[in-house]
């Protein structure tokens, strides 16, 4: 990992670690999107219709790179939700097969979603360990979100 030499080692941003299994298909190319501590995810935008086309996260420091696309179809829906000042992501429920068909985001205050189509053949819930927040995601994507894994 490259470190910014101008920072004191105690001030270095911590890179989140992968947590749990990867769920979804094997297509697309790898992605890894996360917030460096002490930043946290504050807003989530999802583009969806039959599948989860794309997801974008925002932190106090700015917008993170988008996962997937902004809509493979003309009538794709775009929905955004914001997390409260003391709210943080704790996990997701995904329904998938070759792509992420549907996703629900879980926080310490409740759930947001589901976003996407009627659902895939397999349903899995991914949760961070107690007391830990989800700081990002890793997986595969292209025009759609193919797979997803937690980063804590």
N, C-alpha and C. Protein backbone atom coordinates (compact mmCIF):
# COMPACT_ATOMS: atom_id res chain seq x y z
N UNK A 1 0.84 -1.18 0.00
CA UNK A 1 0.00 0.00 0.00
C UNK A 1 0.89 1.24 0.00
N UNK A 2 0.60 2.18 -0.84
CA UNK A 2 1.35 3.43 -0.88
C UNK A 2 0.84 4.36 0.22
N UNK A 3 1.73 4.99 0.88
CA UNK A 3 1.38 5.91 1.96
C UNK A 3 1.81 7.32 1.59
N UNK A 4 1.07 8.29 2.02
CA UNK A 4 1.42 9.69 1.83
C UNK A 4 2.50 10.02 2.85
N UNK A 5 3.72 10.32 2.38
CA UNK A 5 4.84 10.52 3.29
C UNK A 5 4.74 11.81 4.09
N UNK A 6 3.85 12.72 3.70
CA UNK A 6 3.73 13.97 4.45
C UNK A 6 2.91 13.80 5.72
N UNK A 7 2.24 12.67 5.87
CA UNK A 7 1.42 12.44 7.06
C UNK A 7 2.21 11.69 8.12
N UNK A 8 1.90 11.97 9.34
CA UNK A 8 2.41 11.20 10.46
C UNK A 8 1.81 9.80 10.35
N UNK A 9 2.55 8.73 10.65
CA UNK A 9 1.98 7.38 10.54
C UNK A 9 0.67 7.22 11.31
N UNK A 10 0.51 7.91 12.41
CA UNK A 10 -0.73 7.81 13.19
C UNK A 10 -1.90 8.47 12.47
N UNK A 11 -1.61 9.34 11.48
CA UNK A 11 -2.66 10.04 10.74
C UNK A 11 -2.95 9.39 9.40
N UNK A 12 -2.29 8.28 9.07
CA UNK A 12 -2.49 7.63 7.77
C UNK A 12 -3.92 7.12 7.65
N UNK A 13 -4.54 7.31 6.49
CA UNK A 13 -5.87 6.76 6.29
C UNK A 13 -5.82 5.24 6.29
N UNK A 14 -6.74 4.63 6.97
CA UNK A 14 -6.80 3.18 7.07
C UNK A 14 -7.58 2.62 5.88
N UNK A 15 -7.00 1.64 5.20
CA UNK A 15 -7.67 1.00 4.07
C UNK A 15 -8.55 -0.11 4.63
N UNK A 16 -9.85 -0.11 4.27
CA UNK A 16 -10.72 -1.18 4.75
C UNK A 16 -10.28 -2.54 4.24
N UNK A 17 -10.72 -3.58 4.93
CA UNK A 17 -10.39 -4.94 4.54
C UNK A 17 -11.63 -5.64 3.99
N UNK A 18 -11.40 -6.62 3.12
CA UNK A 18 -12.49 -7.44 2.59
C UNK A 18 -13.09 -8.22 3.74
N UNK A 19 -14.40 -8.45 3.66
CA UNK A 19 -15.06 -9.21 4.72
C UNK A 19 -16.14 -10.08 4.12
N UNK A 20 -16.12 -11.35 4.45
CA UNK A 20 -17.15 -12.29 4.01
C UNK A 20 -16.93 -12.73 2.57
N UNK A 21 -17.95 -13.40 2.05
CA UNK A 21 -17.89 -13.96 0.71
C UNK A 21 -18.27 -12.94 -0.36
N UNK A 22 -17.90 -13.25 -1.59
CA UNK A 22 -18.33 -12.48 -2.77
C UNK A 22 -19.57 -13.18 -3.31
N UNK A 23 -20.64 -12.43 -3.56
CA UNK A 23 -21.85 -13.00 -4.10
C UNK A 23 -22.19 -12.35 -5.42
N UNK A 24 -22.59 -13.16 -6.41
CA UNK A 24 -22.98 -12.66 -7.71
C UNK A 24 -22.28 -13.41 -8.81
N UNK A 25 -22.29 -12.81 -10.01
CA UNK A 25 -21.71 -13.44 -11.19
C UNK A 25 -20.22 -13.17 -11.33
N UNK A 26 -19.65 -13.74 -12.40
CA UNK A 26 -18.21 -13.64 -12.61
C UNK A 26 -17.84 -12.74 -13.79
N UNK A 27 -18.83 -12.08 -14.41
CA UNK A 27 -18.54 -11.21 -15.55
C UNK A 27 -17.99 -9.87 -15.11
N UNK A 28 -17.75 -9.01 -16.07
CA UNK A 28 -17.29 -7.66 -15.78
C UNK A 28 -15.84 -7.59 -15.38
N UNK A 29 -15.47 -6.45 -14.82
CA UNK A 29 -14.11 -6.21 -14.37
C UNK A 29 -14.13 -5.88 -12.88
N UNK A 30 -13.01 -6.07 -12.18
CA UNK A 30 -12.99 -5.81 -10.74
C UNK A 30 -13.20 -4.34 -10.39
N UNK A 31 -13.85 -4.09 -9.27
CA UNK A 31 -13.97 -2.75 -8.69
C UNK A 31 -13.69 -2.85 -7.20
N UNK A 32 -13.32 -1.74 -6.63
CA UNK A 32 -13.13 -1.62 -5.18
C UNK A 32 -13.39 -0.17 -4.84
N UNK A 33 -14.45 0.10 -4.10
CA UNK A 33 -14.88 1.46 -3.77
C UNK A 33 -15.10 1.53 -2.26
N UNK A 34 -14.43 2.48 -1.59
CA UNK A 34 -14.59 2.58 -0.14
C UNK A 34 -14.24 3.97 0.35
N UNK A 35 -14.68 4.25 1.58
CA UNK A 35 -14.38 5.52 2.26
C UNK A 35 -13.21 5.28 3.21
N UNK A 36 -12.21 6.15 3.13
CA UNK A 36 -11.12 6.10 4.11
C UNK A 36 -11.61 6.66 5.42
N UNK A 37 -11.19 6.04 6.54
CA UNK A 37 -11.50 6.58 7.86
C UNK A 37 -10.79 7.92 7.99
N UNK A 38 -11.38 8.89 8.61
CA UNK A 38 -12.59 8.85 9.42
C UNK A 38 -13.86 9.13 8.64
N UNK A 39 -13.78 9.26 7.30
CA UNK A 39 -14.98 9.51 6.50
C UNK A 39 -15.91 8.31 6.55
N UNK A 40 -17.19 8.56 6.31
CA UNK A 40 -18.17 7.49 6.29
C UNK A 40 -19.10 7.73 5.11
N UNK A 41 -19.78 6.69 4.69
CA UNK A 41 -20.76 6.81 3.61
C UNK A 41 -21.96 7.57 4.14
N UNK A 42 -22.36 8.63 3.44
CA UNK A 42 -23.46 9.48 3.90
C UNK A 42 -24.66 9.46 2.95
N UNK A 43 -24.44 9.07 1.70
CA UNK A 43 -25.52 9.07 0.70
C UNK A 43 -25.27 7.92 -0.27
N UNK A 44 -26.38 7.27 -0.69
CA UNK A 44 -26.30 6.16 -1.64
C UNK A 44 -27.29 6.43 -2.77
N UNK A 45 -26.82 6.31 -4.01
CA UNK A 45 -27.68 6.41 -5.19
C UNK A 45 -27.62 5.08 -5.92
N UNK A 46 -28.80 4.58 -6.30
CA UNK A 46 -28.90 3.30 -6.99
C UNK A 46 -29.66 3.50 -8.30
N UNK A 47 -29.08 3.00 -9.40
CA UNK A 47 -29.76 2.95 -10.69
C UNK A 47 -30.22 1.52 -10.86
N UNK A 48 -31.52 1.32 -11.10
CA UNK A 48 -32.03 -0.05 -11.16
C UNK A 48 -33.29 -0.14 -12.01
N UNK A 49 -33.53 -1.35 -12.46
CA UNK A 49 -34.76 -1.73 -13.15
C UNK A 49 -34.90 -3.22 -12.96
N UNK A 50 -34.60 -4.03 -13.99
CA UNK A 50 -34.65 -5.49 -13.85
C UNK A 50 -33.49 -5.98 -12.99
N UNK A 51 -32.36 -5.27 -13.06
CA UNK A 51 -31.16 -5.59 -12.29
C UNK A 51 -30.71 -4.33 -11.56
N UNK A 52 -29.65 -4.46 -10.76
CA UNK A 52 -29.00 -3.29 -10.17
C UNK A 52 -27.98 -2.84 -11.20
N UNK A 53 -28.31 -1.76 -11.91
CA UNK A 53 -27.43 -1.25 -12.97
C UNK A 53 -26.19 -0.60 -12.37
N UNK A 54 -26.36 0.23 -11.35
CA UNK A 54 -25.23 0.94 -10.78
C UNK A 54 -25.51 1.43 -9.37
N UNK A 55 -24.43 1.69 -8.64
CA UNK A 55 -24.50 2.21 -7.27
C UNK A 55 -23.40 3.26 -7.13
N UNK A 56 -23.73 4.36 -6.47
CA UNK A 56 -22.71 5.37 -6.18
C UNK A 56 -22.86 5.81 -4.74
N UNK A 57 -21.72 5.92 -4.06
CA UNK A 57 -21.68 6.32 -2.66
C UNK A 57 -21.06 7.71 -2.54
N UNK A 58 -21.50 8.43 -1.54
CA UNK A 58 -20.95 9.75 -1.25
C UNK A 58 -20.53 9.77 0.21
N UNK A 59 -19.42 10.48 0.49
CA UNK A 59 -18.92 10.64 1.85
C UNK A 59 -18.86 12.12 2.17
N UNK A 60 -18.46 12.45 3.39
CA UNK A 60 -18.27 13.85 3.76
C UNK A 60 -17.21 14.51 2.87
N UNK A 61 -16.28 13.70 2.34
CA UNK A 61 -15.19 14.22 1.52
C UNK A 61 -15.54 14.30 0.04
N UNK A 62 -16.66 13.72 -0.38
CA UNK A 62 -17.04 13.80 -1.79
C UNK A 62 -17.64 12.51 -2.31
N UNK A 63 -17.85 12.49 -3.63
CA UNK A 63 -18.48 11.36 -4.31
C UNK A 63 -17.42 10.33 -4.67
N UNK A 64 -17.72 9.05 -4.42
CA UNK A 64 -16.83 7.95 -4.77
C UNK A 64 -17.15 7.46 -6.18
N UNK A 65 -16.22 6.76 -6.84
CA UNK A 65 -16.48 6.25 -8.18
C UNK A 65 -17.72 5.35 -8.22
N UNK A 66 -18.46 5.43 -9.31
CA UNK A 66 -19.68 4.64 -9.47
C UNK A 66 -19.32 3.18 -9.72
N UNK A 67 -20.14 2.28 -9.16
CA UNK A 67 -20.05 0.85 -9.43
C UNK A 67 -21.10 0.56 -10.49
N UNK A 68 -20.73 -0.11 -11.57
CA UNK A 68 -21.68 -0.44 -12.63
C UNK A 68 -22.00 0.76 -13.49
N UNK A 69 -23.17 0.73 -14.13
CA UNK A 69 -23.57 1.77 -15.06
C UNK A 69 -24.71 2.62 -14.54
N UNK A 70 -25.20 3.50 -15.40
CA UNK A 70 -26.28 4.40 -15.02
C UNK A 70 -27.59 4.00 -15.68
N UNK A 71 -27.63 2.85 -16.25
CA UNK A 71 -28.88 2.39 -16.83
C UNK A 71 -28.71 1.80 -18.19
N UNK A 72 -28.98 0.53 -18.28
CA UNK A 72 -28.90 -0.18 -19.54
C UNK A 72 -30.17 0.07 -20.36
N UNK A 73 -31.23 0.50 -19.71
CA UNK A 73 -32.52 0.75 -20.35
C UNK A 73 -32.89 2.22 -20.19
N UNK A 74 -33.77 2.70 -21.07
CA UNK A 74 -34.19 4.10 -21.01
C UNK A 74 -35.02 4.40 -19.76
N UNK A 75 -35.76 3.43 -19.29
CA UNK A 75 -36.65 3.68 -18.16
C UNK A 75 -36.07 3.22 -16.82
N UNK A 76 -34.75 3.25 -16.71
CA UNK A 76 -34.11 2.88 -15.45
C UNK A 76 -34.51 3.89 -14.37
N UNK A 77 -34.66 3.41 -13.15
CA UNK A 77 -35.00 4.29 -12.03
C UNK A 77 -33.73 4.67 -11.29
N UNK A 78 -33.70 5.88 -10.81
CA UNK A 78 -32.59 6.37 -9.98
C UNK A 78 -33.19 6.77 -8.64
N UNK A 79 -32.70 6.15 -7.57
CA UNK A 79 -33.18 6.47 -6.23
C UNK A 79 -32.00 6.75 -5.32
N UNK A 80 -32.18 7.73 -4.44
CA UNK A 80 -31.13 8.14 -3.51
C UNK A 80 -31.67 8.15 -2.10
N UNK A 81 -30.85 7.71 -1.15
CA UNK A 81 -31.20 7.88 0.26
C UNK A 81 -29.98 8.39 1.01
N UNK A 82 -30.25 9.15 2.07
CA UNK A 82 -29.18 9.71 2.89
C UNK A 82 -29.17 9.04 4.25
N UNK A 83 -27.99 8.91 4.82
CA UNK A 83 -27.83 8.35 6.15
C UNK A 83 -27.74 9.50 7.15
N UNK A 84 -28.41 9.34 8.26
CA UNK A 84 -28.38 10.36 9.31
C UNK A 84 -27.00 10.50 9.92
N UNK A 85 -26.80 11.54 10.75
CA UNK A 85 -25.48 11.80 11.33
C UNK A 85 -24.93 10.65 12.17
N UNK A 86 -25.81 9.88 12.80
CA UNK A 86 -25.35 8.76 13.62
C UNK A 86 -25.74 7.42 13.01
N UNK A 87 -25.97 7.40 11.68
CA UNK A 87 -26.36 6.18 10.96
C UNK A 87 -25.20 5.72 10.08
N UNK A 88 -25.01 4.40 10.01
CA UNK A 88 -23.95 3.84 9.16
C UNK A 88 -24.40 2.51 8.59
N UNK A 89 -23.83 2.16 7.43
CA UNK A 89 -24.15 0.89 6.79
C UNK A 89 -23.61 -0.27 7.61
N UNK A 90 -24.45 -1.32 7.76
CA UNK A 90 -24.05 -2.52 8.48
C UNK A 90 -24.05 -3.76 7.60
N UNK A 91 -24.66 -3.67 6.40
CA UNK A 91 -24.69 -4.82 5.51
C UNK A 91 -25.65 -4.64 4.36
N UNK A 92 -25.79 -5.70 3.57
CA UNK A 92 -26.70 -5.70 2.43
C UNK A 92 -27.34 -7.08 2.31
N UNK A 93 -28.52 -7.11 1.72
CA UNK A 93 -29.13 -8.36 1.27
C UNK A 93 -29.14 -8.29 -0.24
N UNK A 94 -28.60 -9.32 -0.90
CA UNK A 94 -28.55 -9.36 -2.35
C UNK A 94 -29.28 -10.59 -2.86
N UNK A 95 -30.00 -10.39 -3.95
CA UNK A 95 -30.60 -11.48 -4.69
C UNK A 95 -29.89 -11.48 -6.03
N UNK A 96 -29.37 -12.63 -6.46
CA UNK A 96 -28.47 -12.64 -7.62
C UNK A 96 -28.50 -13.97 -8.35
N UNK A 97 -27.88 -13.95 -9.52
CA UNK A 97 -27.47 -15.12 -10.28
C UNK A 97 -26.24 -14.68 -11.06
N UNK A 98 -26.40 -14.26 -12.31
CA UNK A 98 -25.25 -13.75 -13.07
C UNK A 98 -24.96 -12.29 -12.75
N UNK A 99 -25.97 -11.59 -12.27
CA UNK A 99 -25.85 -10.18 -11.88
C UNK A 99 -26.54 -10.01 -10.54
N UNK A 100 -26.34 -8.85 -9.93
CA UNK A 100 -27.12 -8.51 -8.74
C UNK A 100 -28.50 -8.06 -9.24
N UNK A 101 -29.50 -8.87 -8.98
CA UNK A 101 -30.86 -8.58 -9.43
C UNK A 101 -31.54 -7.56 -8.51
N UNK A 102 -31.28 -7.67 -7.21
CA UNK A 102 -31.95 -6.81 -6.23
C UNK A 102 -31.02 -6.65 -5.03
N UNK A 103 -31.05 -5.44 -4.43
CA UNK A 103 -30.22 -5.17 -3.26
C UNK A 103 -31.00 -4.35 -2.25
N UNK A 104 -30.81 -4.67 -0.98
CA UNK A 104 -31.35 -3.90 0.14
C UNK A 104 -30.17 -3.54 1.02
N UNK A 105 -30.07 -2.27 1.40
CA UNK A 105 -29.00 -1.80 2.28
C UNK A 105 -29.51 -1.78 3.72
N UNK A 106 -28.70 -2.30 4.64
CA UNK A 106 -29.05 -2.32 6.06
C UNK A 106 -28.15 -1.34 6.80
N UNK A 107 -28.73 -0.61 7.74
CA UNK A 107 -27.97 0.31 8.59
C UNK A 107 -28.25 -0.01 10.04
N UNK A 108 -27.57 0.69 10.93
CA UNK A 108 -27.83 0.52 12.36
C UNK A 108 -29.19 1.10 12.74
N UNK A 109 -29.89 1.77 11.82
CA UNK A 109 -31.20 2.38 12.10
C UNK A 109 -32.35 1.71 11.33
N UNK A 110 -32.06 0.83 10.37
CA UNK A 110 -33.12 0.21 9.58
C UNK A 110 -32.60 -0.25 8.23
N UNK A 111 -33.51 -0.29 7.24
CA UNK A 111 -33.15 -0.76 5.90
C UNK A 111 -33.63 0.22 4.84
N UNK A 112 -32.96 0.20 3.69
CA UNK A 112 -33.32 1.02 2.53
C UNK A 112 -33.40 0.09 1.33
N UNK A 113 -34.53 0.09 0.63
CA UNK A 113 -34.71 -0.77 -0.51
C UNK A 113 -35.87 -1.72 -0.25
N UNK A 114 -36.03 -2.71 -1.10
CA UNK A 114 -35.09 -3.20 -2.09
C UNK A 114 -35.09 -2.37 -3.36
N UNK A 115 -33.95 -2.42 -4.07
CA UNK A 115 -33.75 -1.77 -5.35
C UNK A 115 -33.44 -2.86 -6.36
N UNK A 116 -34.11 -2.83 -7.51
CA UNK A 116 -33.86 -3.81 -8.56
C UNK A 116 -35.11 -4.52 -8.99
N UNK A 117 -34.92 -5.67 -9.66
CA UNK A 117 -36.02 -6.43 -10.24
C UNK A 117 -36.66 -7.39 -9.26
N UNK A 118 -37.20 -8.44 -9.82
CA UNK A 118 -37.95 -9.42 -9.03
C UNK A 118 -37.05 -10.31 -8.19
N UNK A 119 -35.78 -10.26 -8.43
CA UNK A 119 -34.88 -11.06 -7.61
C UNK A 119 -34.26 -12.20 -8.38
N UNK A 120 -33.12 -12.65 -7.91
CA UNK A 120 -32.39 -13.74 -8.55
C UNK A 120 -32.75 -15.08 -7.95
N UNK A 121 -31.95 -16.07 -8.28
CA UNK A 121 -32.18 -17.43 -7.81
C UNK A 121 -31.66 -17.65 -6.40
N UNK A 122 -30.73 -16.82 -5.96
CA UNK A 122 -30.08 -16.99 -4.66
C UNK A 122 -30.21 -15.69 -3.87
N UNK A 123 -30.50 -15.79 -2.58
CA UNK A 123 -30.57 -14.62 -1.70
C UNK A 123 -29.57 -14.81 -0.56
N UNK A 124 -28.76 -13.79 -0.32
CA UNK A 124 -27.78 -13.83 0.77
C UNK A 124 -27.77 -12.48 1.48
N UNK A 125 -27.56 -12.51 2.77
CA UNK A 125 -27.39 -11.29 3.55
C UNK A 125 -25.96 -11.25 4.06
N UNK A 126 -25.31 -10.13 3.83
CA UNK A 126 -23.94 -9.91 4.27
C UNK A 126 -23.96 -8.86 5.37
N UNK A 127 -23.44 -9.18 6.53
CA UNK A 127 -23.41 -8.23 7.65
C UNK A 127 -21.98 -8.03 8.13
N UNK A 128 -21.65 -6.80 8.46
CA UNK A 128 -20.38 -6.51 9.12
C UNK A 128 -20.42 -7.10 10.53
N UNK A 129 -19.28 -7.37 11.13
CA UNK A 129 -19.28 -7.85 12.52
C UNK A 129 -19.89 -6.80 13.45
N UNK A 130 -20.44 -7.21 14.57
CA UNK A 130 -21.02 -6.24 15.51
C UNK A 130 -20.03 -5.13 15.85
N UNK A 131 -20.54 -3.90 15.85
CA UNK A 131 -19.71 -2.74 16.18
C UNK A 131 -18.87 -2.21 15.03
N UNK A 132 -18.95 -2.84 13.85
CA UNK A 132 -18.18 -2.39 12.68
C UNK A 132 -19.12 -1.86 11.62
N UNK A 133 -18.66 -0.89 10.86
CA UNK A 133 -19.44 -0.31 9.78
C UNK A 133 -18.92 -0.80 8.43
N UNK A 134 -19.81 -0.87 7.45
CA UNK A 134 -19.41 -1.14 6.08
C UNK A 134 -18.84 0.16 5.53
N UNK A 135 -17.60 0.11 5.04
CA UNK A 135 -16.95 1.31 4.54
C UNK A 135 -16.85 1.32 3.03
N UNK A 136 -17.28 0.21 2.41
CA UNK A 136 -17.25 0.15 0.96
C UNK A 136 -17.55 -1.25 0.48
N UNK A 137 -17.31 -1.44 -0.84
CA UNK A 137 -17.63 -2.71 -1.47
C UNK A 137 -16.57 -3.06 -2.50
N UNK A 138 -16.49 -4.35 -2.80
CA UNK A 138 -15.57 -4.89 -3.78
C UNK A 138 -16.35 -5.91 -4.60
N UNK A 139 -15.97 -6.12 -5.84
CA UNK A 139 -16.64 -7.12 -6.66
C UNK A 139 -16.29 -6.95 -8.11
N UNK A 140 -17.28 -7.25 -8.99
CA UNK A 140 -17.11 -7.13 -10.43
C UNK A 140 -18.28 -6.35 -10.99
N UNK A 141 -18.01 -5.58 -12.07
CA UNK A 141 -19.06 -4.75 -12.67
C UNK A 141 -18.71 -4.41 -14.12
N UNK A 142 -19.69 -3.91 -14.85
CA UNK A 142 -19.51 -3.29 -16.15
C UNK A 142 -20.74 -2.43 -16.38
N UNK A 143 -21.67 -2.83 -17.25
CA UNK A 143 -22.91 -2.08 -17.41
C UNK A 143 -23.86 -2.31 -16.25
N UNK A 144 -23.68 -3.43 -15.56
CA UNK A 144 -24.49 -3.81 -14.40
C UNK A 144 -23.54 -4.17 -13.26
N UNK A 145 -24.07 -4.30 -12.06
CA UNK A 145 -23.27 -4.78 -10.93
C UNK A 145 -23.33 -6.31 -10.97
N UNK A 146 -22.19 -6.94 -11.24
CA UNK A 146 -22.14 -8.39 -11.37
C UNK A 146 -22.04 -9.09 -10.02
N UNK A 147 -21.16 -8.58 -9.13
CA UNK A 147 -20.97 -9.24 -7.83
C UNK A 147 -20.60 -8.18 -6.78
N UNK A 148 -20.70 -8.61 -5.50
CA UNK A 148 -20.47 -7.66 -4.41
C UNK A 148 -19.91 -8.39 -3.19
N UNK A 149 -19.03 -7.71 -2.47
CA UNK A 149 -18.46 -8.16 -1.22
C UNK A 149 -18.29 -6.96 -0.31
N UNK A 150 -18.43 -7.15 0.99
CA UNK A 150 -18.28 -6.05 1.95
C UNK A 150 -16.81 -5.69 2.16
N UNK A 151 -16.58 -4.42 2.44
CA UNK A 151 -15.29 -3.94 2.94
C UNK A 151 -15.58 -3.19 4.24
N UNK A 152 -14.88 -3.58 5.29
CA UNK A 152 -15.14 -2.98 6.61
C UNK A 152 -13.89 -2.31 7.15
